[in-house]
N, C-alpha and C. Protein backbone atom coordinates (compact mmCIF):
# COMPACT_ATOMS: atom_id res chain seq x y z
N MET A 1 65.42 65.58 -18.99
CA MET A 1 64.97 65.06 -17.68
C MET A 1 64.93 66.21 -16.68
N GLN A 2 63.81 66.33 -16.00
CA GLN A 2 63.68 67.39 -15.04
C GLN A 2 64.46 67.07 -13.77
N LYS A 3 65.03 68.10 -13.19
CA LYS A 3 65.73 67.92 -11.93
C LYS A 3 64.72 67.72 -10.80
N LYS A 4 65.09 66.88 -9.83
CA LYS A 4 64.22 66.64 -8.70
C LYS A 4 64.14 67.89 -7.83
N GLN A 5 62.95 68.13 -7.33
CA GLN A 5 62.78 69.27 -6.45
C GLN A 5 63.62 69.07 -5.19
N LYS A 6 64.11 70.17 -4.65
CA LYS A 6 64.98 70.11 -3.49
C LYS A 6 64.28 69.48 -2.29
N ASN A 7 62.96 69.70 -2.18
CA ASN A 7 62.23 69.19 -1.03
C ASN A 7 61.69 67.78 -1.26
N LEU A 8 62.00 67.19 -2.40
CA LEU A 8 61.54 65.84 -2.69
C LEU A 8 62.53 64.84 -2.10
N ILE A 9 62.02 63.93 -1.29
CA ILE A 9 62.88 62.95 -0.62
C ILE A 9 63.23 61.82 -1.58
N ASP A 10 64.51 61.57 -1.74
CA ASP A 10 64.97 60.49 -2.60
C ASP A 10 65.19 59.24 -1.74
N TRP A 11 64.13 58.45 -1.59
CA TRP A 11 64.21 57.28 -0.73
C TRP A 11 65.12 56.21 -1.31
N ASP A 12 65.26 56.18 -2.63
CA ASP A 12 66.18 55.21 -3.24
C ASP A 12 67.63 55.53 -2.83
N GLU A 13 67.95 56.80 -2.82
CA GLU A 13 69.29 57.20 -2.39
C GLU A 13 69.51 56.91 -0.91
N ILE A 14 68.48 57.16 -0.11
CA ILE A 14 68.58 56.88 1.33
C ILE A 14 68.75 55.39 1.56
N ARG A 15 68.04 54.58 0.79
CA ARG A 15 68.18 53.12 0.92
C ARG A 15 69.61 52.70 0.58
N THR A 16 70.17 53.27 -0.46
CA THR A 16 71.55 52.96 -0.86
C THR A 16 72.52 53.34 0.25
N ASP A 17 72.32 54.52 0.82
CA ASP A 17 73.19 54.98 1.91
C ASP A 17 73.04 54.10 3.15
N LEU A 18 71.82 53.62 3.41
CA LEU A 18 71.58 52.72 4.54
C LEU A 18 72.35 51.41 4.34
N ILE A 19 72.24 50.85 3.15
CA ILE A 19 72.95 49.60 2.86
C ILE A 19 74.46 49.80 2.96
N ASP A 20 74.96 50.91 2.43
CA ASP A 20 76.39 51.21 2.53
C ASP A 20 76.82 51.31 4.00
N GLY A 21 75.97 51.93 4.82
CA GLY A 21 76.29 52.05 6.24
C GLY A 21 76.30 50.71 6.94
N ILE A 22 75.35 49.84 6.60
CA ILE A 22 75.28 48.50 7.19
C ILE A 22 76.53 47.70 6.83
N ILE A 23 76.96 47.82 5.59
CA ILE A 23 78.17 47.13 5.14
C ILE A 23 79.40 47.66 5.88
N ALA A 24 79.48 48.98 6.04
CA ALA A 24 80.61 49.60 6.73
C ALA A 24 80.68 49.16 8.19
N LEU A 25 79.53 48.90 8.78
CA LEU A 25 79.49 48.44 10.18
C LEU A 25 79.68 46.93 10.30
N ASN A 26 79.78 46.27 9.15
CA ASN A 26 79.99 44.82 9.12
C ASN A 26 78.84 44.07 9.80
N ILE A 27 77.63 44.53 9.52
CA ILE A 27 76.43 43.89 10.05
C ILE A 27 75.74 43.13 8.92
N ARG A 28 75.35 41.91 9.20
CA ARG A 28 74.65 41.11 8.20
C ARG A 28 73.15 41.14 8.46
N LEU A 29 72.41 41.66 7.51
CA LEU A 29 70.96 41.74 7.63
C LEU A 29 70.30 41.17 6.38
N THR A 30 69.08 40.67 6.56
CA THR A 30 68.31 40.17 5.42
C THR A 30 67.68 41.35 4.68
N ASN A 31 67.20 41.09 3.47
CA ASN A 31 66.52 42.13 2.72
C ASN A 31 65.29 42.63 3.48
N ASP A 32 64.61 41.70 4.18
CA ASP A 32 63.43 42.08 4.95
C ASP A 32 63.79 43.01 6.10
N GLN A 33 64.92 42.76 6.75
CA GLN A 33 65.36 43.63 7.84
C GLN A 33 65.73 45.02 7.33
N VAL A 34 66.39 45.07 6.19
CA VAL A 34 66.73 46.36 5.59
C VAL A 34 65.45 47.13 5.25
N LYS A 35 64.47 46.40 4.70
CA LYS A 35 63.20 47.04 4.35
C LYS A 35 62.50 47.58 5.61
N LYS A 36 62.54 46.83 6.70
CA LYS A 36 61.90 47.30 7.93
C LYS A 36 62.59 48.53 8.49
N LEU A 37 63.91 48.57 8.40
CA LEU A 37 64.64 49.76 8.86
C LEU A 37 64.25 50.98 8.04
N LEU A 38 64.13 50.78 6.72
CA LEU A 38 63.74 51.89 5.86
C LEU A 38 62.28 52.29 6.11
N ASP A 39 61.42 51.30 6.31
CA ASP A 39 60.01 51.59 6.61
C ASP A 39 59.89 52.35 7.93
N TYR A 40 60.71 51.98 8.89
CA TYR A 40 60.73 52.70 10.17
C TYR A 40 61.12 54.15 9.96
N LEU A 41 62.13 54.38 9.13
CA LEU A 41 62.58 55.75 8.85
C LEU A 41 61.48 56.56 8.17
N VAL A 42 60.74 55.92 7.27
CA VAL A 42 59.62 56.58 6.60
C VAL A 42 58.56 56.99 7.63
N LEU A 43 58.25 56.08 8.55
CA LEU A 43 57.26 56.39 9.59
C LEU A 43 57.75 57.49 10.53
N LEU A 44 59.03 57.45 10.87
CA LEU A 44 59.61 58.49 11.73
C LEU A 44 59.49 59.85 11.08
N ASP A 45 59.77 59.92 9.79
CA ASP A 45 59.66 61.18 9.05
C ASP A 45 58.21 61.64 8.97
N LYS A 46 57.31 60.68 8.73
CA LYS A 46 55.89 61.01 8.58
C LYS A 46 55.29 61.53 9.89
N TRP A 47 55.58 60.85 10.99
CA TRP A 47 55.00 61.23 12.28
C TRP A 47 55.70 62.43 12.91
N ASN A 48 56.92 62.69 12.50
CA ASN A 48 57.71 63.74 13.16
C ASN A 48 57.11 65.13 12.97
N SER A 49 56.49 65.36 11.84
CA SER A 49 55.93 66.67 11.57
C SER A 49 54.80 67.02 12.54
N THR A 50 54.10 66.00 13.03
CA THR A 50 52.98 66.22 13.96
C THR A 50 53.36 65.98 15.41
N TYR A 51 54.19 64.95 15.64
CA TYR A 51 54.47 64.52 17.01
C TYR A 51 55.79 65.04 17.56
N ASN A 52 56.58 65.70 16.70
CA ASN A 52 57.86 66.27 17.15
C ASN A 52 58.72 65.24 17.88
N LEU A 53 58.96 64.13 17.19
CA LEU A 53 59.72 63.02 17.78
C LEU A 53 61.21 63.30 17.84
N THR A 54 61.69 64.12 16.92
CA THR A 54 63.11 64.45 16.88
C THR A 54 63.31 65.83 16.28
N ALA A 55 64.36 66.51 16.73
CA ALA A 55 64.66 67.84 16.18
C ALA A 55 65.25 67.74 14.79
N VAL A 56 65.71 66.56 14.42
CA VAL A 56 66.26 66.34 13.07
C VAL A 56 65.09 66.18 12.10
N ARG A 57 65.02 67.02 11.10
CA ARG A 57 63.86 67.05 10.22
C ARG A 57 64.09 66.37 8.87
N ASN A 58 65.32 66.31 8.45
CA ASN A 58 65.63 65.78 7.13
C ASN A 58 65.86 64.27 7.20
N PRO A 59 65.16 63.47 6.41
CA PRO A 59 65.32 62.01 6.46
C PRO A 59 66.74 61.53 6.22
N GLN A 60 67.48 62.23 5.36
CA GLN A 60 68.86 61.86 5.13
C GLN A 60 69.68 62.05 6.40
N ALA A 61 69.42 63.13 7.11
CA ALA A 61 70.10 63.36 8.38
C ALA A 61 69.63 62.38 9.45
N MET A 62 68.33 62.05 9.43
CA MET A 62 67.81 61.04 10.35
C MET A 62 68.53 59.71 10.16
N LEU A 63 68.82 59.37 8.92
CA LEU A 63 69.54 58.12 8.63
C LEU A 63 70.88 58.11 9.34
N THR A 64 71.62 59.21 9.22
CA THR A 64 72.96 59.27 9.80
C THR A 64 72.93 59.41 11.31
N TYR A 65 72.20 60.42 11.78
CA TYR A 65 72.24 60.76 13.21
C TYR A 65 71.44 59.81 14.08
N HIS A 66 70.48 59.09 13.49
CA HIS A 66 69.63 58.21 14.28
C HIS A 66 69.81 56.73 13.93
N LEU A 67 69.53 56.37 12.67
CA LEU A 67 69.58 54.95 12.31
C LEU A 67 70.99 54.39 12.38
N LEU A 68 71.92 55.00 11.68
CA LEU A 68 73.29 54.48 11.67
C LEU A 68 73.94 54.61 13.04
N ASP A 69 73.60 55.68 13.75
CA ASP A 69 74.12 55.86 15.11
C ASP A 69 73.65 54.72 16.01
N SER A 70 72.40 54.32 15.86
CA SER A 70 71.86 53.21 16.66
C SER A 70 72.45 51.88 16.21
N LEU A 71 72.63 51.71 14.91
CA LEU A 71 73.19 50.46 14.39
C LEU A 71 74.64 50.25 14.84
N ALA A 72 75.33 51.33 15.18
CA ALA A 72 76.74 51.23 15.57
C ALA A 72 76.95 50.41 16.84
N VAL A 73 75.89 50.26 17.67
CA VAL A 73 76.05 49.50 18.91
C VAL A 73 75.71 48.02 18.72
N VAL A 74 75.20 47.66 17.55
CA VAL A 74 74.76 46.28 17.30
C VAL A 74 75.83 45.23 17.61
N PRO A 75 77.10 45.44 17.21
CA PRO A 75 78.11 44.39 17.45
C PRO A 75 78.38 44.11 18.93
N TYR A 76 77.91 44.99 19.82
CA TYR A 76 78.24 44.84 21.24
C TYR A 76 77.10 44.23 22.06
N LEU A 77 76.04 43.82 21.39
CA LEU A 77 74.87 43.32 22.12
C LEU A 77 74.42 41.91 21.73
N PRO A 78 75.25 41.11 21.10
CA PRO A 78 74.75 39.81 20.60
C PRO A 78 74.32 38.84 21.69
N GLU A 79 74.85 38.97 22.90
CA GLU A 79 74.51 38.03 23.97
C GLU A 79 73.30 38.50 24.79
N THR A 80 72.83 39.71 24.53
CA THR A 80 71.70 40.23 25.29
C THR A 80 70.41 39.57 24.83
N ARG A 81 69.63 39.11 25.79
CA ARG A 81 68.37 38.42 25.45
C ARG A 81 67.14 39.26 25.79
N LYS A 82 67.27 40.11 26.81
CA LYS A 82 66.14 40.94 27.23
C LYS A 82 66.65 42.34 27.52
N LEU A 83 66.27 43.29 26.68
CA LEU A 83 66.83 44.64 26.71
C LEU A 83 65.76 45.67 26.99
N LEU A 84 66.11 46.66 27.82
CA LEU A 84 65.24 47.81 28.06
C LEU A 84 65.91 49.07 27.53
N ASP A 85 65.18 49.82 26.72
CA ASP A 85 65.65 51.11 26.20
C ASP A 85 64.95 52.21 27.01
N VAL A 86 65.73 52.94 27.80
CA VAL A 86 65.17 53.96 28.70
C VAL A 86 65.16 55.32 28.01
N GLY A 87 64.00 55.99 28.05
CA GLY A 87 63.87 57.27 27.36
C GLY A 87 63.97 57.08 25.87
N SER A 88 63.23 56.12 25.36
CA SER A 88 63.39 55.69 23.97
C SER A 88 63.00 56.74 22.95
N GLY A 89 62.12 57.66 23.32
CA GLY A 89 61.73 58.71 22.38
C GLY A 89 61.06 58.15 21.15
N GLY A 90 61.69 58.34 20.01
CA GLY A 90 61.16 57.83 18.75
C GLY A 90 61.59 56.41 18.45
N GLY A 91 62.14 55.71 19.46
CA GLY A 91 62.52 54.31 19.26
C GLY A 91 63.98 54.08 18.99
N LEU A 92 64.80 54.98 19.50
CA LEU A 92 66.24 54.91 19.23
C LEU A 92 67.01 54.71 20.53
N PRO A 93 67.73 53.61 20.65
CA PRO A 93 67.98 52.60 19.61
C PRO A 93 67.04 51.41 19.64
N GLY A 94 66.02 51.40 20.54
CA GLY A 94 65.22 50.21 20.78
C GLY A 94 64.60 49.58 19.55
N LEU A 95 63.89 50.38 18.75
CA LEU A 95 63.23 49.82 17.57
C LEU A 95 64.24 49.29 16.57
N VAL A 96 65.33 50.00 16.41
CA VAL A 96 66.38 49.55 15.48
C VAL A 96 66.92 48.19 15.92
N LEU A 97 67.20 48.05 17.21
CA LEU A 97 67.76 46.80 17.73
C LEU A 97 66.74 45.67 17.65
N SER A 98 65.47 45.98 17.81
CA SER A 98 64.44 44.94 17.71
C SER A 98 64.34 44.37 16.30
N ILE A 99 64.65 45.20 15.31
CA ILE A 99 64.64 44.74 13.92
C ILE A 99 65.87 43.89 13.63
N VAL A 100 67.01 44.34 14.12
CA VAL A 100 68.27 43.63 13.88
C VAL A 100 68.30 42.29 14.63
N TYR A 101 67.76 42.30 15.86
CA TYR A 101 67.77 41.09 16.70
C TYR A 101 66.33 40.63 16.96
N PRO A 102 65.71 39.92 16.03
CA PRO A 102 64.31 39.50 16.20
C PRO A 102 64.09 38.54 17.37
N ASP A 103 65.15 37.87 17.82
CA ASP A 103 65.03 36.95 18.95
C ASP A 103 65.25 37.64 20.29
N MET A 104 65.64 38.89 20.26
CA MET A 104 65.84 39.66 21.48
C MET A 104 64.51 40.29 21.90
N LYS A 105 64.15 40.18 23.17
CA LYS A 105 62.96 40.85 23.67
C LYS A 105 63.35 42.28 24.03
N VAL A 106 62.78 43.22 23.31
CA VAL A 106 63.14 44.63 23.48
C VAL A 106 61.97 45.40 24.06
N SER A 107 62.18 46.01 25.21
CA SER A 107 61.19 46.87 25.83
C SER A 107 61.67 48.31 25.74
N MET A 108 60.72 49.22 25.59
CA MET A 108 61.05 50.65 25.52
C MET A 108 60.12 51.41 26.45
N ILE A 109 60.67 52.41 27.11
CA ILE A 109 59.86 53.23 28.00
C ILE A 109 60.14 54.71 27.76
N ASP A 110 59.07 55.49 27.76
CA ASP A 110 59.19 56.94 27.64
C ASP A 110 58.02 57.55 28.39
N ILE A 111 58.23 58.72 28.94
CA ILE A 111 57.19 59.38 29.72
C ILE A 111 56.19 60.11 28.84
N VAL A 112 56.55 60.36 27.58
CA VAL A 112 55.70 61.15 26.68
C VAL A 112 54.74 60.23 25.91
N HIS A 113 53.45 60.41 26.12
CA HIS A 113 52.43 59.53 25.54
C HIS A 113 52.47 59.51 24.01
N LYS A 114 52.67 60.67 23.39
CA LYS A 114 52.64 60.69 21.93
C LYS A 114 53.82 59.92 21.34
N LYS A 115 54.91 59.86 22.07
CA LYS A 115 56.06 59.09 21.59
C LYS A 115 55.82 57.60 21.73
N THR A 116 55.23 57.17 22.84
CA THR A 116 54.95 55.74 22.99
C THR A 116 53.81 55.32 22.05
N ALA A 117 52.91 56.24 21.71
CA ALA A 117 51.88 55.94 20.72
C ALA A 117 52.54 55.64 19.37
N PHE A 118 53.55 56.42 19.04
CA PHE A 118 54.30 56.18 17.81
C PHE A 118 55.01 54.83 17.86
N LEU A 119 55.64 54.51 18.98
CA LEU A 119 56.34 53.24 19.11
C LEU A 119 55.38 52.07 18.92
N ASN A 120 54.20 52.16 19.50
CA ASN A 120 53.21 51.10 19.34
C ASN A 120 52.72 50.99 17.90
N GLN A 121 52.60 52.12 17.22
CA GLN A 121 52.18 52.10 15.82
C GLN A 121 53.22 51.43 14.94
N VAL A 122 54.49 51.74 15.19
CA VAL A 122 55.57 51.10 14.43
C VAL A 122 55.58 49.60 14.71
N LYS A 123 55.40 49.23 15.97
CA LYS A 123 55.36 47.82 16.34
C LYS A 123 54.30 47.09 15.53
N ILE A 124 53.12 47.69 15.39
CA ILE A 124 52.02 47.07 14.66
C ILE A 124 52.31 47.02 13.17
N GLU A 125 52.72 48.16 12.60
CA GLU A 125 52.91 48.23 11.14
C GLU A 125 54.06 47.36 10.65
N LEU A 126 55.11 47.20 11.47
CA LEU A 126 56.26 46.40 11.05
C LEU A 126 56.20 44.98 11.59
N GLY A 127 55.17 44.66 12.36
CA GLY A 127 55.03 43.31 12.87
C GLY A 127 56.13 42.90 13.83
N LEU A 128 56.49 43.78 14.74
CA LEU A 128 57.58 43.53 15.67
C LEU A 128 57.04 42.87 16.94
N ASP A 129 56.92 41.56 16.89
CA ASP A 129 56.33 40.81 18.00
C ASP A 129 57.24 40.76 19.23
N ASN A 130 58.49 41.12 19.07
CA ASN A 130 59.45 41.07 20.19
C ASN A 130 59.53 42.38 20.95
N VAL A 131 58.62 43.31 20.66
CA VAL A 131 58.65 44.65 21.26
C VAL A 131 57.55 44.83 22.30
N THR A 132 57.91 45.45 23.42
CA THR A 132 56.95 45.87 24.45
C THR A 132 57.18 47.35 24.73
N VAL A 133 56.10 48.11 24.84
CA VAL A 133 56.21 49.55 25.05
C VAL A 133 55.55 49.93 26.37
N TYR A 134 56.25 50.72 27.17
CA TYR A 134 55.72 51.23 28.43
C TYR A 134 55.68 52.76 28.38
N THR A 135 54.63 53.31 28.99
CA THR A 135 54.54 54.76 29.15
C THR A 135 54.65 55.10 30.62
N GLY A 136 55.58 55.97 30.97
CA GLY A 136 55.72 56.35 32.37
C GLY A 136 57.17 56.59 32.75
N ARG A 137 57.39 56.70 34.04
CA ARG A 137 58.73 56.94 34.57
C ARG A 137 59.43 55.61 34.83
N VAL A 138 60.67 55.52 34.45
CA VAL A 138 61.38 54.26 34.58
C VAL A 138 61.54 53.86 36.04
N GLU A 139 61.67 54.84 36.94
CA GLU A 139 61.84 54.51 38.36
C GLU A 139 60.58 53.89 38.96
N GLU A 140 59.45 54.05 38.27
CA GLU A 140 58.19 53.47 38.74
C GLU A 140 57.82 52.18 38.02
N LEU A 141 58.61 51.79 37.06
CA LEU A 141 58.32 50.59 36.27
C LEU A 141 58.60 49.33 37.09
N GLU A 142 57.67 48.39 37.01
CA GLU A 142 57.84 47.10 37.65
C GLU A 142 57.64 46.01 36.61
N VAL A 143 58.52 45.03 36.60
CA VAL A 143 58.44 43.92 35.65
C VAL A 143 58.60 42.60 36.39
N GLU A 144 58.08 41.53 35.79
CA GLU A 144 58.17 40.21 36.43
C GLU A 144 59.60 39.68 36.40
N GLU A 145 60.28 39.90 35.27
CA GLU A 145 61.65 39.42 35.13
C GLU A 145 62.56 40.60 34.79
N PRO A 146 63.72 40.69 35.46
CA PRO A 146 64.63 41.81 35.18
C PRO A 146 65.27 41.68 33.80
N PHE A 147 65.93 42.74 33.39
CA PHE A 147 66.58 42.80 32.08
C PHE A 147 68.07 42.49 32.23
N ASP A 148 68.63 41.77 31.26
CA ASP A 148 70.07 41.53 31.31
C ASP A 148 70.85 42.66 30.63
N GLY A 149 70.12 43.59 30.00
CA GLY A 149 70.74 44.77 29.42
C GLY A 149 69.79 45.95 29.48
N ILE A 150 70.30 47.11 29.89
CA ILE A 150 69.52 48.34 29.88
C ILE A 150 70.34 49.40 29.16
N ILE A 151 69.74 50.01 28.14
CA ILE A 151 70.48 50.94 27.28
C ILE A 151 69.81 52.31 27.27
N SER A 152 70.59 53.34 27.06
CA SER A 152 70.03 54.68 26.89
C SER A 152 70.86 55.45 25.87
N ARG A 153 70.19 56.33 25.19
CA ARG A 153 70.84 57.19 24.19
C ARG A 153 70.45 58.63 24.52
N ALA A 154 71.37 59.34 25.16
CA ALA A 154 71.14 60.74 25.54
C ALA A 154 69.90 60.89 26.41
N PHE A 155 69.68 59.92 27.30
CA PHE A 155 68.52 59.97 28.21
C PHE A 155 68.78 60.91 29.39
N ALA A 156 69.90 60.71 30.05
CA ALA A 156 70.19 61.50 31.26
C ALA A 156 71.67 61.33 31.59
N SER A 157 72.08 61.90 32.72
CA SER A 157 73.44 61.68 33.18
C SER A 157 73.61 60.21 33.55
N LEU A 158 74.85 59.75 33.60
CA LEU A 158 75.10 58.35 33.98
C LEU A 158 74.55 58.06 35.37
N HIS A 159 74.71 59.02 36.27
CA HIS A 159 74.22 58.84 37.64
C HIS A 159 72.71 58.60 37.65
N ASP A 160 71.97 59.46 36.95
CA ASP A 160 70.51 59.33 36.93
C ASP A 160 70.08 58.08 36.18
N PHE A 161 70.74 57.79 35.07
CA PHE A 161 70.42 56.61 34.28
C PHE A 161 70.50 55.35 35.13
N VAL A 162 71.60 55.20 35.85
CA VAL A 162 71.82 54.00 36.67
C VAL A 162 70.91 53.98 37.89
N SER A 163 70.84 55.10 38.61
CA SER A 163 70.08 55.12 39.86
C SER A 163 68.58 54.93 39.63
N LEU A 164 68.06 55.46 38.52
CA LEU A 164 66.63 55.38 38.27
C LEU A 164 66.18 54.01 37.77
N SER A 165 67.09 53.27 37.16
CA SER A 165 66.69 52.00 36.55
C SER A 165 67.41 50.78 37.09
N ALA A 166 68.23 50.93 38.13
CA ALA A 166 69.02 49.81 38.67
C ALA A 166 68.13 48.67 39.16
N HIS A 167 66.92 49.00 39.64
CA HIS A 167 66.03 47.95 40.15
C HIS A 167 65.52 47.02 39.07
N LEU A 168 65.74 47.39 37.82
CA LEU A 168 65.24 46.59 36.69
C LEU A 168 66.32 45.71 36.06
N LEU A 169 67.56 45.83 36.55
CA LEU A 169 68.68 45.10 35.97
C LEU A 169 68.90 43.79 36.71
N SER A 170 69.17 42.73 35.96
CA SER A 170 69.45 41.43 36.57
C SER A 170 70.80 41.45 37.28
N GLU A 171 71.05 40.46 38.08
CA GLU A 171 72.26 40.41 38.91
C GLU A 171 73.53 40.55 38.08
N ASN A 172 73.59 39.90 36.94
CA ASN A 172 74.79 39.94 36.10
C ASN A 172 74.59 40.79 34.84
N GLY A 173 73.58 41.67 34.89
CA GLY A 173 73.28 42.50 33.72
C GLY A 173 74.23 43.68 33.58
N LEU A 174 74.11 44.36 32.45
CA LEU A 174 74.96 45.51 32.15
C LEU A 174 74.12 46.70 31.71
N PHE A 175 74.59 47.88 32.08
CA PHE A 175 74.07 49.12 31.53
C PHE A 175 74.91 49.49 30.31
N TYR A 176 74.23 49.98 29.26
CA TYR A 176 74.92 50.46 28.06
C TYR A 176 74.51 51.92 27.85
N ALA A 177 75.47 52.83 27.96
CA ALA A 177 75.17 54.25 27.80
C ALA A 177 75.80 54.76 26.52
N MET A 178 74.96 55.24 25.60
CA MET A 178 75.44 55.80 24.33
C MET A 178 75.71 57.29 24.54
N LYS A 179 76.96 57.69 24.32
CA LYS A 179 77.37 59.08 24.54
C LYS A 179 78.17 59.60 23.34
N GLY A 180 78.34 60.92 23.32
CA GLY A 180 79.21 61.53 22.32
C GLY A 180 80.64 61.47 22.82
N LEU A 181 81.13 62.59 23.36
CA LEU A 181 82.44 62.60 24.00
C LEU A 181 82.39 61.77 25.28
N ILE A 182 83.53 61.26 25.71
CA ILE A 182 83.58 60.50 26.95
C ILE A 182 83.24 61.45 28.10
N PRO A 183 82.17 61.18 28.86
CA PRO A 183 81.72 62.11 29.91
C PRO A 183 82.48 61.89 31.22
N GLU A 184 83.66 62.42 31.30
CA GLU A 184 84.53 62.19 32.46
C GLU A 184 83.85 62.61 33.78
N ASP A 185 83.19 63.77 33.78
CA ASP A 185 82.53 64.25 34.99
C ASP A 185 81.42 63.30 35.42
N GLU A 186 80.65 62.81 34.44
CA GLU A 186 79.56 61.89 34.76
C GLU A 186 80.11 60.57 35.30
N ILE A 187 81.21 60.11 34.76
CA ILE A 187 81.82 58.87 35.23
C ILE A 187 82.25 59.00 36.68
N SER A 188 82.85 60.15 37.01
CA SER A 188 83.32 60.37 38.38
C SER A 188 82.17 60.53 39.37
N ASN A 189 80.97 60.86 38.84
CA ASN A 189 79.81 61.07 39.71
C ASN A 189 78.88 59.86 39.79
N LEU A 190 79.33 58.73 39.25
CA LEU A 190 78.52 57.51 39.35
C LEU A 190 78.31 57.13 40.81
N GLU A 191 77.15 56.53 41.10
CA GLU A 191 76.90 56.06 42.45
C GLU A 191 77.95 55.03 42.87
N SER A 192 78.26 55.01 44.15
CA SER A 192 79.18 53.99 44.64
C SER A 192 78.54 52.63 44.42
N GLY A 193 79.35 51.65 44.11
CA GLY A 193 78.83 50.33 43.82
C GLY A 193 78.73 50.05 42.34
N TRP A 194 78.94 51.10 41.51
CA TRP A 194 78.89 50.94 40.05
C TRP A 194 80.18 51.46 39.43
N THR A 195 80.57 50.86 38.32
CA THR A 195 81.81 51.27 37.67
C THR A 195 81.69 51.13 36.15
N VAL A 196 82.39 51.99 35.43
CA VAL A 196 82.48 51.86 33.98
C VAL A 196 83.58 50.85 33.69
N LYS A 197 83.18 49.67 33.26
CA LYS A 197 84.14 48.59 33.07
C LYS A 197 84.80 48.62 31.69
N ARG A 198 84.19 49.37 30.76
CA ARG A 198 84.71 49.35 29.39
C ARG A 198 84.12 50.53 28.62
N ILE A 199 84.92 51.08 27.72
CA ILE A 199 84.46 52.14 26.83
C ILE A 199 84.88 51.79 25.40
N GLU A 200 83.90 51.79 24.50
CA GLU A 200 84.19 51.51 23.10
C GLU A 200 83.94 52.76 22.26
N ALA A 201 84.91 53.13 21.45
CA ALA A 201 84.71 54.22 20.50
C ALA A 201 83.93 53.69 19.30
N LEU A 202 82.84 54.34 18.97
CA LEU A 202 81.99 53.90 17.87
C LEU A 202 82.29 54.72 16.62
N LYS A 203 82.39 54.04 15.52
CA LYS A 203 82.59 54.72 14.24
C LYS A 203 81.28 54.66 13.46
N VAL A 204 80.58 55.78 13.44
CA VAL A 204 79.29 55.83 12.76
C VAL A 204 79.52 56.27 11.31
N PRO A 205 79.13 55.44 10.34
CA PRO A 205 79.31 55.81 8.94
C PRO A 205 78.64 57.14 8.61
N GLN A 206 79.31 57.94 7.82
CA GLN A 206 78.79 59.22 7.32
C GLN A 206 78.66 60.29 8.41
N LEU A 207 79.24 60.01 9.60
CA LEU A 207 79.14 60.97 10.70
C LEU A 207 80.54 61.34 11.20
N ASP A 208 80.87 62.63 11.11
CA ASP A 208 82.18 63.10 11.55
C ASP A 208 82.03 63.68 12.96
N ALA A 209 81.87 62.78 13.92
CA ALA A 209 81.71 63.20 15.31
C ALA A 209 82.05 62.01 16.20
N GLN A 210 82.47 62.32 17.42
CA GLN A 210 82.81 61.25 18.35
C GLN A 210 81.57 60.60 18.94
N ARG A 211 81.60 59.29 19.03
CA ARG A 211 80.55 58.51 19.66
C ARG A 211 81.20 57.43 20.50
N HIS A 212 80.65 57.18 21.68
CA HIS A 212 81.20 56.16 22.56
C HIS A 212 80.08 55.36 23.20
N LEU A 213 80.38 54.10 23.48
CA LEU A 213 79.46 53.24 24.21
C LEU A 213 80.13 52.85 25.52
N LEU A 214 79.46 53.17 26.63
CA LEU A 214 80.00 52.88 27.96
C LEU A 214 79.29 51.66 28.54
N PHE A 215 80.08 50.73 29.07
CA PHE A 215 79.54 49.52 29.70
C PHE A 215 79.66 49.74 31.21
N ILE A 216 78.53 49.70 31.90
CA ILE A 216 78.52 49.96 33.35
C ILE A 216 78.07 48.71 34.09
N ASP A 217 78.84 48.36 35.10
CA ASP A 217 78.63 47.11 35.81
C ASP A 217 78.70 47.37 37.32
N LYS A 218 78.14 46.44 38.10
CA LYS A 218 78.30 46.52 39.54
C LYS A 218 79.75 46.23 39.91
N LYS A 219 80.27 46.94 40.89
CA LYS A 219 81.61 46.66 41.36
C LYS A 219 81.62 45.29 42.02
N LYS A 220 82.61 44.51 41.66
CA LYS A 220 82.73 43.15 42.22
C LYS A 220 83.56 43.20 43.49
């Protein structure tokens, strides 16, 4: 039996690692949802060579640093019904969450046209009817109904994240900021009227690095 070429992607192995990661995160998904997550990863790898969606080039690394990293926040969003992903880039975590939560209305916004073109293509190819994509600056976005959750993954500082998108959050909504190390300086620089009400340490399967999810709320 010939050995596989080093540059040949073993999608069967990646699928196995994805399933192992889902199990480790204690997330229950259907076979169709697992297939959509893998199909999304295939599209991300395919489009990345032309559109430069992420600096991570290897699909196996994309699985860990992007897919599993995004899946790690799933247990903390079950009550969210309308979510905005700010600075979504290649759809992280927005597209992942839209697959996991088909009843959640997930909107994504990015200023880069080629990235939102990719998001729309994934929406069409995977049949994600719960997804809406916006191109532009979040501070200029206007919607008919506010979001009960707004999330970002390495979009900006906490101050900028909150100040630029606060007009889109419902009265009792929450900001969710995905970070690596706990950003103490950013927390201290939050606008008055906002507070970090909770911090959860995330354990991302196959990743030996700190990850945290910050819950930001209006001061009561």
